[in-house]
Amino acid sequence: MSTPEATMLGVDTAYYFKAVLELAFAQQQHFDLLLVTGDLAQEPCNASYQLILRELEAYNIPCICLPGNHDDYDLMQKILNTRTVSCRKQVLLDGWQLICLNSQIPGSPKGYLAKHELAFLEDCLNTQPEHYALITVHHHCVACNSVWMDKMMIENDHELLSIARQYPQAKVISNGHIHQVMDINAGSVRILGTPSTCFQFKPESTGLVLDDLSPGYRTINLYPDGQIETAVNRLPEKLSGLQVATKGY
C-alpha cells in the first residue's frame, strides 16, 4: 500500500512483507538472489514502490522484481532500478539462467505472454544452451484447480509450455499470483507456486475464499547437474486482522 500503516482486507501487508524477509534471512544467512514474483503493490504509486525498495535494499543482494496484474510496470522499472534491485529480464547464475517474463495485461487480472516475450524466452534458451533454465512469470500456466483463479491464468499457456518442453535445459517455471502453494510436474518441466507475503487463497475453491494460513516464502536450491531442491517456509505466527468474509478486493 502507499503508506506503511495501511491495511488490505484487514491485513498489515507492509508488516508481513518485512516479517517474511526477516524470517528468511534468520533461517538462512546467505541467498544468491531474491525473486519477487509480482503484485508488489495494490496501490501502484511512487510511495508504494519506494517502501518496497527500502525493504529489499536493506539485504544488499541481487533482487529481481516481476510485474503482476496489480502493478504499474513502467513505474516499477523507473523506481526498482538500483545496483541490487531491478526488473532485469535475464540473470546468469553459474550453470543456470533466470528468465523473467511479463504476463501482465494492463487493466485486466488475466495473464498473457506477448509474441516478443515468447521470442525473448526462445532466444535466451537458444543462446545459453549450456545453462539450465528457471523461467519465472507472475501468472500461472497450469491450472491450480480453483475455478475463479484459473480464469486468470496465462491465456496462451500452451505456447509457453510448448517452448519450455522443446529445450531439455528448461527445468522450472515459477509463478506468483495464486497466493498458495503449487508443485506440479508438467512433463519435463516443474511448476512452482509460492505463498503470498500477505493473505492466502484457499485451494480448490469455486470462488474467492481467503485462507488463514500464515504468509511465507519458497527457497529453491539450484544444482550443477540440473536438479533442484525446494521448500516452503511460513511465519510461525497466525495472520492477524484478516477479514475472511470479503467478497473481493
C-alpha atoms as a PDB file:
ATOM      1  CA  MET A   1       0.000   0.000   0.000  1.00  0.00           C
ATOM      2  CA  SER A   2       1.051   3.650  -0.336  1.00  0.00           C
ATOM      3  CA  THR A   3       1.592   4.138   3.407  1.00  0.00           C
ATOM      4  CA  PRO A   4       3.250   1.716   5.858  1.00  0.00           C
ATOM      5  CA  GLU A   5       0.280   1.679   8.253  1.00  0.00           C
ATOM      6  CA  ALA A   6      -2.379   0.944   5.598  1.00  0.00           C
ATOM      7  CA  THR A   7      -4.167  -2.417   5.648  1.00  0.00           C
ATOM      8  CA  MET A   8      -5.681  -4.584   2.931  1.00  0.00           C
ATOM      9  CA  LEU A   9      -8.638  -6.796   3.860  1.00  0.00           C
ATOM     10  CA  GLY A  10      -7.626  -6.031   7.444  1.00  0.00           C
ATOM     11  CA  VAL A  11      -4.028  -7.220   6.969  1.00  0.00           C
ATOM     12  CA  ASP A  12      -0.986  -5.045   7.610  1.00  0.00           C
ATOM     13  CA  THR A  13       0.745  -6.002   4.369  1.00  0.00           C
ATOM     14  CA  ALA A  14       3.905  -3.959   4.978  1.00  0.00           C
ATOM     15  CA  TYR A  15       4.413  -5.616   8.370  1.00  0.00           C
ATOM     16  CA  TYR A  16       4.088  -9.136   6.953  1.00  0.00           C
ATOM     17  CA  PHE A  17       6.285  -8.403   3.926  1.00  0.00           C
ATOM     18  CA  LYS A  18       9.034  -7.282   6.289  1.00  0.00           C
ATOM     19  CA  ALA A  19       8.400 -10.208   8.659  1.00  0.00           C
ATOM     20  CA  VAL A  20       8.702 -12.792   5.847  1.00  0.00           C
ATOM     21  CA  LEU A  21      12.010 -11.279   4.712  1.00  0.00           C
ATOM     22  CA  GLU A  22      13.318 -11.289   8.291  1.00  0.00           C
ATOM     23  CA  LEU A  23      12.279 -14.919   8.720  1.00  0.00           C
ATOM     24  CA  ALA A  24      14.045 -15.971   5.520  1.00  0.00           C
ATOM     25  CA  PHE A  25      17.322 -14.334   6.435  1.00  0.00           C
ATOM     26  CA  ALA A  26      17.123 -15.545  10.038  1.00  0.00           C
ATOM     27  CA  GLN A  27      16.777 -19.143   8.837  1.00  0.00           C
ATOM     28  CA  GLN A  28      19.491 -18.916   6.169  1.00  0.00           C
ATOM     29  CA  GLN A  29      22.365 -16.466   6.298  1.00  0.00           C
ATOM     30  CA  HIS A  30      23.028 -16.238   2.575  1.00  0.00           C
ATOM     31  CA  PHE A  31      20.974 -16.170  -0.617  1.00  0.00           C
ATOM     32  CA  ASP A  32      22.345 -15.615  -4.103  1.00  0.00           C
ATOM     33  CA  LEU A  33      19.199 -13.901  -5.338  1.00  0.00           C
ATOM     34  CA  LEU A  34      15.784 -12.772  -4.139  1.00  0.00           C
ATOM     35  CA  LEU A  35      12.871 -13.167  -6.561  1.00  0.00           C
ATOM     36  CA  VAL A  36       9.649 -11.181  -6.068  1.00  0.00           C
ATOM     37  CA  THR A  37       7.041 -12.665  -8.399  1.00  0.00           C
ATOM     38  CA  GLY A  38       4.620  -9.791  -8.977  1.00  0.00           C
ATOM     39  CA  ASP A  39       1.731  -7.900  -7.401  1.00  0.00           C
ATOM     40  CA  LEU A  40       4.179  -5.871  -5.374  1.00  0.00           C
ATOM     41  CA  ALA A  41       1.684  -3.027  -4.924  1.00  0.00           C
ATOM     42  CA  GLN A  42      -2.082  -2.919  -4.528  1.00  0.00           C
ATOM     43  CA  GLU A  43      -1.736   0.865  -4.831  1.00  0.00           C
ATOM     44  CA  PRO A  44       0.914   1.098  -7.586  1.00  0.00           C
ATOM     45  CA  CYS A  45       2.401   4.533  -6.972  1.00  0.00           C
ATOM     46  CA  ASN A  46       5.782   6.088  -6.213  1.00  0.00           C
ATOM     47  CA  ALA A  47       5.304   5.769  -2.444  1.00  0.00           C
ATOM     48  CA  SER A  48       4.412   2.047  -2.607  1.00  0.00           C
ATOM     49  CA  TYR A  49       7.449   1.122  -4.685  1.00  0.00           C
ATOM     50  CA  GLN A  50       9.756   3.284  -2.580  1.00  0.00           C
ATOM     51  CA  LEU A  51       8.606   1.372   0.525  1.00  0.00           C
ATOM     52  CA  ILE A  52       9.344  -1.928  -1.203  1.00  0.00           C
ATOM     53  CA  LEU A  53      12.701  -0.694  -2.457  1.00  0.00           C
ATOM     54  CA  ARG A  54      13.845   0.295   1.035  1.00  0.00           C
ATOM     55  CA  GLU A  55      12.993  -3.135   2.437  1.00  0.00           C
ATOM     56  CA  LEU A  56      14.708  -5.021  -0.386  1.00  0.00           C
ATOM     57  CA  GLU A  57      17.846  -2.873  -0.494  1.00  0.00           C
ATOM     58  CA  ALA A  58      18.439  -3.476   3.203  1.00  0.00           C
ATOM     59  CA  TYR A  59      19.621  -7.027   2.428  1.00  0.00           C
ATOM     60  CA  ASN A  60      22.210  -5.961  -0.161  1.00  0.00           C
ATOM     61  CA  ILE A  61      21.772  -8.926  -2.501  1.00  0.00           C
ATOM     62  CA  PRO A  62      20.522  -9.064  -6.109  1.00  0.00           C
ATOM     63  CA  CYS A  63      16.734  -8.843  -6.224  1.00  0.00           C
ATOM     64  CA  ILE A  64      14.602  -9.286  -9.327  1.00  0.00           C
ATOM     65  CA  CYS A  65      11.029  -7.946  -9.399  1.00  0.00           C
ATOM     66  CA  LEU A  66       8.298  -9.097 -11.797  1.00  0.00           C
ATOM     67  CA  PRO A  67       5.133  -7.182 -12.720  1.00  0.00           C
ATOM     68  CA  GLY A  68       1.795  -8.603 -11.616  1.00  0.00           C
ATOM     69  CA  ASN A  69      -1.698  -7.624 -12.704  1.00  0.00           C
ATOM     70  CA  HIS A  70      -1.938  -5.013  -9.924  1.00  0.00           C
ATOM     71  CA  ASP A  71       1.394  -3.350 -10.756  1.00  0.00           C
ATOM     72  CA  ASP A  72       2.441  -0.339 -12.816  1.00  0.00           C
ATOM     73  CA  TYR A  73       5.320  -1.900 -14.763  1.00  0.00           C
ATOM     74  CA  ASP A  74       6.625   1.381 -16.201  1.00  0.00           C
ATOM     75  CA  LEU A  75       6.829   2.865 -12.709  1.00  0.00           C
ATOM     76  CA  MET A  76       8.413  -0.301 -11.334  1.00  0.00           C
ATOM     77  CA  GLN A  77      11.191  -0.113 -13.908  1.00  0.00           C
ATOM     78  CA  LYS A  78      11.927   3.514 -13.007  1.00  0.00           C
ATOM     79  CA  ILE A  79      11.997   3.091  -9.218  1.00  0.00           C
ATOM     80  CA  LEU A  80      13.175  -0.504  -8.800  1.00  0.00           C
ATOM     81  CA  ASN A  81      16.325   0.217 -10.737  1.00  0.00           C
ATOM     82  CA  THR A  82      19.345   0.253  -8.418  1.00  0.00           C
ATOM     83  CA  ARG A  83      22.584  -1.649  -8.054  1.00  0.00           C
ATOM     84  CA  THR A  84      20.845  -4.519  -6.251  1.00  0.00           C
ATOM     85  CA  VAL A  85      17.106  -4.208  -7.024  1.00  0.00           C
ATOM     86  CA  SER A  86      15.881  -4.305 -10.618  1.00  0.00           C
ATOM     87  CA  CYS A  87      13.383  -5.644 -13.149  1.00  0.00           C
ATOM     88  CA  ARG A  88      16.077  -7.393 -15.206  1.00  0.00           C
ATOM     89  CA  LYS A  89      14.844  -9.957 -17.710  1.00  0.00           C
ATOM     90  CA  GLN A  90      17.769 -12.400 -17.589  1.00  0.00           C
ATOM     91  CA  VAL A  91      20.313 -13.337 -14.943  1.00  0.00           C
ATOM     92  CA  LEU A  92      23.117 -15.907 -15.231  1.00  0.00           C
ATOM     93  CA  LEU A  93      23.840 -17.861 -12.051  1.00  0.00           C
ATOM     94  CA  ASP A  94      26.779 -20.235 -12.502  1.00  0.00           C
ATOM     95  CA  GLY A  95      25.316 -23.054 -14.619  1.00  0.00           C
ATOM     96  CA  TRP A  96      21.761 -21.679 -14.543  1.00  0.00           C
ATOM     97  CA  GLN A  97      19.906 -18.785 -16.116  1.00  0.00           C
ATOM     98  CA  LEU A  98      16.871 -16.993 -14.713  1.00  0.00           C
ATOM     99  CA  ILE A  99      14.488 -15.875 -17.473  1.00  0.00           C
ATOM    100  CA  CYS A 100      11.872 -13.316 -16.398  1.00  0.00           C
ATOM    101  CA  LEU A 101       8.687 -12.923 -18.436  1.00  0.00           C
ATOM    102  CA  ASN A 102       5.963 -10.277 -18.294  1.00  0.00           C
ATOM    103  CA  SER A 103       2.472 -11.826 -18.347  1.00  0.00           C
ATOM    104  CA  GLN A 104       0.642  -8.605 -17.499  1.00  0.00           C
ATOM    105  CA  ILE A 105      -2.370  -7.412 -19.500  1.00  0.00           C
ATOM    106  CA  PRO A 106      -2.752  -3.759 -18.378  1.00  0.00           C
ATOM    107  CA  GLY A 107      -6.183  -3.218 -16.879  1.00  0.00           C
ATOM    108  CA  SER A 108      -7.006  -6.929 -16.639  1.00  0.00           C
ATOM    109  CA  PRO A 109      -6.425  -9.568 -13.948  1.00  0.00           C
ATOM    110  CA  LYS A 110      -5.746 -12.168 -16.648  1.00  0.00           C
ATOM    111  CA  GLY A 111      -2.354 -13.170 -17.989  1.00  0.00           C
ATOM    112  CA  TYR A 112      -0.947 -13.360 -21.499  1.00  0.00           C
ATOM    113  CA  LEU A 113       2.532 -13.693 -22.995  1.00  0.00           C
ATOM    114  CA  ALA A 114       3.017 -11.397 -25.972  1.00  0.00           C
ATOM    115  CA  LYS A 115       4.934 -12.628 -29.007  1.00  0.00           C
ATOM    116  CA  HIS A 116       8.011 -10.631 -28.032  1.00  0.00           C
ATOM    117  CA  GLU A 117       8.031 -12.264 -24.572  1.00  0.00           C
ATOM    118  CA  LEU A 118       7.913 -15.747 -26.093  1.00  0.00           C
ATOM    119  CA  ALA A 119      10.587 -14.759 -28.623  1.00  0.00           C
ATOM    120  CA  PHE A 120      12.758 -13.497 -25.758  1.00  0.00           C
ATOM    121  CA  LEU A 121      12.338 -16.821 -23.965  1.00  0.00           C
ATOM    122  CA  GLU A 122      13.391 -18.798 -27.034  1.00  0.00           C
ATOM    123  CA  ASP A 123      16.348 -16.506 -27.635  1.00  0.00           C
ATOM    124  CA  CYS A 124      17.582 -16.996 -24.059  1.00  0.00           C
ATOM    125  CA  LEU A 125      17.273 -20.771 -24.359  1.00  0.00           C
ATOM    126  CA  ASN A 126      18.972 -20.818 -27.757  1.00  0.00           C
ATOM    127  CA  THR A 127      21.878 -18.552 -26.846  1.00  0.00           C
ATOM    128  CA  GLN A 128      22.625 -20.179 -23.476  1.00  0.00           C
ATOM    129  CA  PRO A 129      22.240 -23.909 -24.237  1.00  0.00           C
ATOM    130  CA  GLU A 130      24.823 -24.839 -21.596  1.00  0.00           C
ATOM    131  CA  HIS A 131      22.765 -23.199 -18.823  1.00  0.00           C
ATOM    132  CA  TYR A 132      19.821 -24.881 -17.138  1.00  0.00           C
ATOM    133  CA  ALA A 133      16.839 -22.530 -17.041  1.00  0.00           C
ATOM    134  CA  LEU A 134      14.445 -21.345 -14.345  1.00  0.00           C
ATOM    135  CA  ILE A 135      11.642 -19.416 -16.064  1.00  0.00           C
ATOM    136  CA  THR A 136       9.674 -17.054 -13.870  1.00  0.00           C
ATOM    137  CA  VAL A 137       6.397 -15.245 -14.556  1.00  0.00           C
ATOM    138  CA  HIS A 138       3.586 -13.769 -12.446  1.00  0.00           C
ATOM    139  CA  HIS A 139       0.534 -15.663 -13.739  1.00  0.00           C
ATOM    140  CA  HIS A 140       0.294 -19.444 -13.543  1.00  0.00           C
ATOM    141  CA  CYS A 141       0.481 -21.613 -16.666  1.00  0.00           C
ATOM    142  CA  VAL A 142      -1.168 -24.792 -15.353  1.00  0.00           C
ATOM    143  CA  ALA A 143      -4.484 -24.994 -13.533  1.00  0.00           C
ATOM    144  CA  CYS A 144      -4.388 -24.779  -9.736  1.00  0.00           C
ATOM    145  CA  ASN A 145      -7.942 -26.213  -9.570  1.00  0.00           C
ATOM    146  CA  SER A 146      -9.536 -23.087  -8.130  1.00  0.00           C
ATOM    147  CA  VAL A 147     -12.224 -22.232 -10.684  1.00  0.00           C
ATOM    148  CA  TRP A 148     -12.151 -18.469 -10.181  1.00  0.00           C
ATOM    149  CA  MET A 149      -8.347 -18.249 -10.151  1.00  0.00           C
ATOM    150  CA  ASP A 150      -7.897 -20.476 -13.204  1.00  0.00           C
ATOM    151  CA  LYS A 151      -9.931 -17.959 -15.211  1.00  0.00           C
ATOM    152  CA  MET A 152      -6.980 -15.600 -14.705  1.00  0.00           C
ATOM    153  CA  MET A 153      -4.098 -17.854 -15.723  1.00  0.00           C
ATOM    154  CA  ILE A 154      -1.912 -17.257 -18.794  1.00  0.00           C
ATOM    155  CA  GLU A 155      -4.325 -17.404 -21.735  1.00  0.00           C
ATOM    156  CA  ASN A 156      -1.703 -18.805 -24.135  1.00  0.00           C
ATOM    157  CA  ASP A 157      -0.213 -21.153 -21.554  1.00  0.00           C
ATOM    158  CA  HIS A 158       0.190 -23.856 -24.207  1.00  0.00           C
ATOM    159  CA  GLU A 159       2.688 -21.678 -26.094  1.00  0.00           C
ATOM    160  CA  LEU A 160       4.851 -21.209 -23.008  1.00  0.00           C
ATOM    161  CA  LEU A 161       4.790 -24.910 -22.141  1.00  0.00           C
ATOM    162  CA  SER A 162       5.439 -25.931 -25.744  1.00  0.00           C
ATOM    163  CA  ILE A 163       8.597 -23.826 -25.886  1.00  0.00           C
ATOM    164  CA  ALA A 164       9.822 -24.985 -22.471  1.00  0.00           C
ATOM    165  CA  ARG A 165       9.346 -28.650 -23.389  1.00  0.00           C
ATOM    166  CA  GLN A 166      11.411 -28.253 -26.571  1.00  0.00           C
ATOM    167  CA  TYR A 167      14.509 -27.414 -24.528  1.00  0.00           C
ATOM    168  CA  PRO A 168      15.790 -30.095 -22.116  1.00  0.00           C
ATOM    169  CA  GLN A 169      17.646 -27.445 -20.120  1.00  0.00           C
ATOM    170  CA  ALA A 170      14.361 -25.726 -19.178  1.00  0.00           C
ATOM    171  CA  LYS A 171      13.734 -27.255 -15.756  1.00  0.00           C
ATOM    172  CA  VAL A 172      11.426 -24.991 -13.735  1.00  0.00           C
ATOM    173  CA  ILE A 173       8.662 -22.416 -14.160  1.00  0.00           C
ATOM    174  CA  SER A 174       7.991 -20.376 -11.021  1.00  0.00           C
ATOM    175  CA  ASN A 175       4.926 -18.146 -10.631  1.00  0.00           C
ATOM    176  CA  GLY A 176       3.189 -15.895  -8.134  1.00  0.00           C
ATOM    177  CA  HIS A 177      -0.468 -14.764  -8.465  1.00  0.00           C
ATOM    178  CA  ILE A 178      -2.232 -17.726  -6.848  1.00  0.00           C
ATOM    179  CA  HIS A 179      -1.473 -16.937  -3.159  1.00  0.00           C
ATOM    180  CA  GLN A 180      -0.999 -20.643  -2.434  1.00  0.00           C
ATOM    181  CA  VAL A 181       1.492 -23.477  -2.817  1.00  0.00           C
ATOM    182  CA  MET A 182       1.730 -25.386  -6.084  1.00  0.00           C
ATOM    183  CA  ASP A 183       4.270 -28.036  -7.107  1.00  0.00           C
ATOM    184  CA  ILE A 184       3.343 -29.870 -10.323  1.00  0.00           C
ATOM    185  CA  ASN A 185       5.328 -31.799 -12.898  1.00  0.00           C
ATOM    186  CA  ALA A 186       4.109 -30.751 -16.359  1.00  0.00           C
ATOM    187  CA  GLY A 187       6.030 -33.222 -18.456  1.00  0.00           C
ATOM    188  CA  SER A 188       9.715 -32.326 -18.292  1.00  0.00           C
ATOM    189  CA  VAL A 189       9.058 -29.010 -16.527  1.00  0.00           C
ATOM    190  CA  ARG A 190       8.345 -28.498 -12.825  1.00  0.00           C
ATOM    191  CA  ILE A 191       5.821 -25.754 -11.981  1.00  0.00           C
ATOM    192  CA  LEU A 192       6.183 -23.999  -8.617  1.00  0.00           C
ATOM    193  CA  GLY A 193       3.738 -21.609  -6.968  1.00  0.00           C
ATOM    194  CA  THR A 194       4.569 -19.722  -3.790  1.00  0.00           C
ATOM    195  CA  PRO A 195       2.616 -18.398  -0.794  1.00  0.00           C
ATOM    196  CA  SER A 196       1.916 -14.690  -0.622  1.00  0.00           C
ATOM    197  CA  THR A 197       3.622 -12.467   1.947  1.00  0.00           C
ATOM    198  CA  CYS A 198       0.130 -11.271   2.945  1.00  0.00           C
ATOM    199  CA  PHE A 199      -3.116 -13.299   2.868  1.00  0.00           C
ATOM    200  CA  GLN A 200      -3.574 -16.667   1.152  1.00  0.00           C
ATOM    201  CA  PHE A 201      -6.327 -18.068  -1.101  1.00  0.00           C
ATOM    202  CA  LYS A 202      -7.963 -21.331  -0.094  1.00  0.00           C
ATOM    203  CA  PRO A 203      -7.021 -24.100  -2.585  1.00  0.00           C
ATOM    204  CA  GLU A 204      -9.617 -25.746  -4.836  1.00  0.00           C
ATOM    205  CA  SER A 205     -12.263 -23.057  -4.316  1.00  0.00           C
ATOM    206  CA  THR A 206     -15.042 -22.187  -6.744  1.00  0.00           C
ATOM    207  CA  GLY A 207     -14.932 -18.504  -5.807  1.00  0.00           C
ATOM    208  CA  LEU A 208     -12.683 -16.227  -3.774  1.00  0.00           C
ATOM    209  CA  VAL A 209     -12.161 -17.780  -0.337  1.00  0.00           C
ATOM    210  CA  LEU A 210      -9.436 -16.475   1.971  1.00  0.00           C
ATOM    211  CA  ASP A 211      -7.275 -18.919   3.905  1.00  0.00           C
ATOM    212  CA  ASP A 212      -5.935 -18.204   7.375  1.00  0.00           C
ATOM    213  CA  LEU A 213      -2.598 -19.903   6.700  1.00  0.00           C
ATOM    214  CA  SER A 214       0.403 -17.773   7.629  1.00  0.00           C
ATOM    215  CA  PRO A 215       2.384 -15.856   4.989  1.00  0.00           C
ATOM    216  CA  GLY A 216       5.536 -17.484   3.687  1.00  0.00           C
ATOM    217  CA  TYR A 217       8.204 -17.834   1.025  1.00  0.00           C
ATOM    218  CA  ARG A 218       9.854 -20.536  -1.070  1.00  0.00           C
ATOM    219  CA  THR A 219      13.528 -21.431  -1.290  1.00  0.00           C
ATOM    220  CA  ILE A 220      14.924 -23.004  -4.459  1.00  0.00           C
ATOM    221  CA  ASN A 221      18.375 -24.573  -4.486  1.00  0.00           C
ATOM    222  CA  LEU A 222      19.787 -24.980  -7.993  1.00  0.00           C
ATOM    223  CA  TYR A 223      22.443 -27.665  -8.516  1.00  0.00           C
ATOM    224  CA  PRO A 224      25.119 -28.009 -11.231  1.00  0.00           C
ATOM    225  CA  ASP A 225      23.517 -31.192 -12.612  1.00  0.00           C
ATOM    226  CA  GLY A 226      20.143 -29.513 -13.245  1.00  0.00           C
ATOM    227  CA  GLN A 227      18.472 -30.867 -10.126  1.00  0.00           C
ATOM    228  CA  ILE A 228      16.646 -28.616  -7.670  1.00  0.00           C
ATOM    229  CA  GLU A 229      15.577 -28.760  -4.046  1.00  0.00           C
ATOM    230  CA  THR A 230      12.752 -26.564  -2.883  1.00  0.00           C
ATOM    231  CA  ALA A 231      10.830 -25.926   0.323  1.00  0.00           C
ATOM    232  CA  VAL A 232       8.105 -23.596   1.586  1.00  0.00           C
ATOM    233  CA  ASN A 233       8.530 -21.851   4.927  1.00  0.00           C
ATOM    234  CA  ARG A 234       5.876 -19.884   6.794  1.00  0.00           C
ATOM    235  CA  LEU A 235       5.798 -17.442   9.667  1.00  0.00           C
ATOM    236  CA  PRO A 236       5.105 -19.199  12.976  1.00  0.00           C
ATOM    237  CA  GLU A 237       2.524 -16.571  13.930  1.00  0.00           C
ATOM    238  CA  LYS A 238      -1.079 -16.631  12.750  1.00  0.00           C
ATOM    239  CA  LEU A 239      -2.222 -13.967  10.314  1.00  0.00           C
ATOM    240  CA  SER A 240      -3.806 -11.083  12.230  1.00  0.00           C
ATOM    241  CA  GLY A 241      -6.791  -8.966  11.223  1.00  0.00           C
ATOM    242  CA  LEU A 242      -7.888 -10.901   8.131  1.00  0.00           C
ATOM    243  CA  GLN A 243     -11.458 -10.088   7.014  1.00  0.00           C
ATOM    244  CA  VAL A 244     -12.415 -13.586   5.879  1.00  0.00           C
ATOM    245  CA  ALA A 245     -15.961 -12.624   4.850  1.00  0.00           C
ATOM    246  CA  THR A 246     -14.779 -10.401   1.986  1.00  0.00           C
ATOM    247  CA  LYS A 247     -16.312 -10.785  -1.480  1.00  0.00           C
ATOM    248  CA  GLY A 248     -13.391  -9.198  -3.360  1.00  0.00           C
ATOM    249  CA  TYR A 249     -10.716  -6.531  -3.294  1.00  0.00           C
END
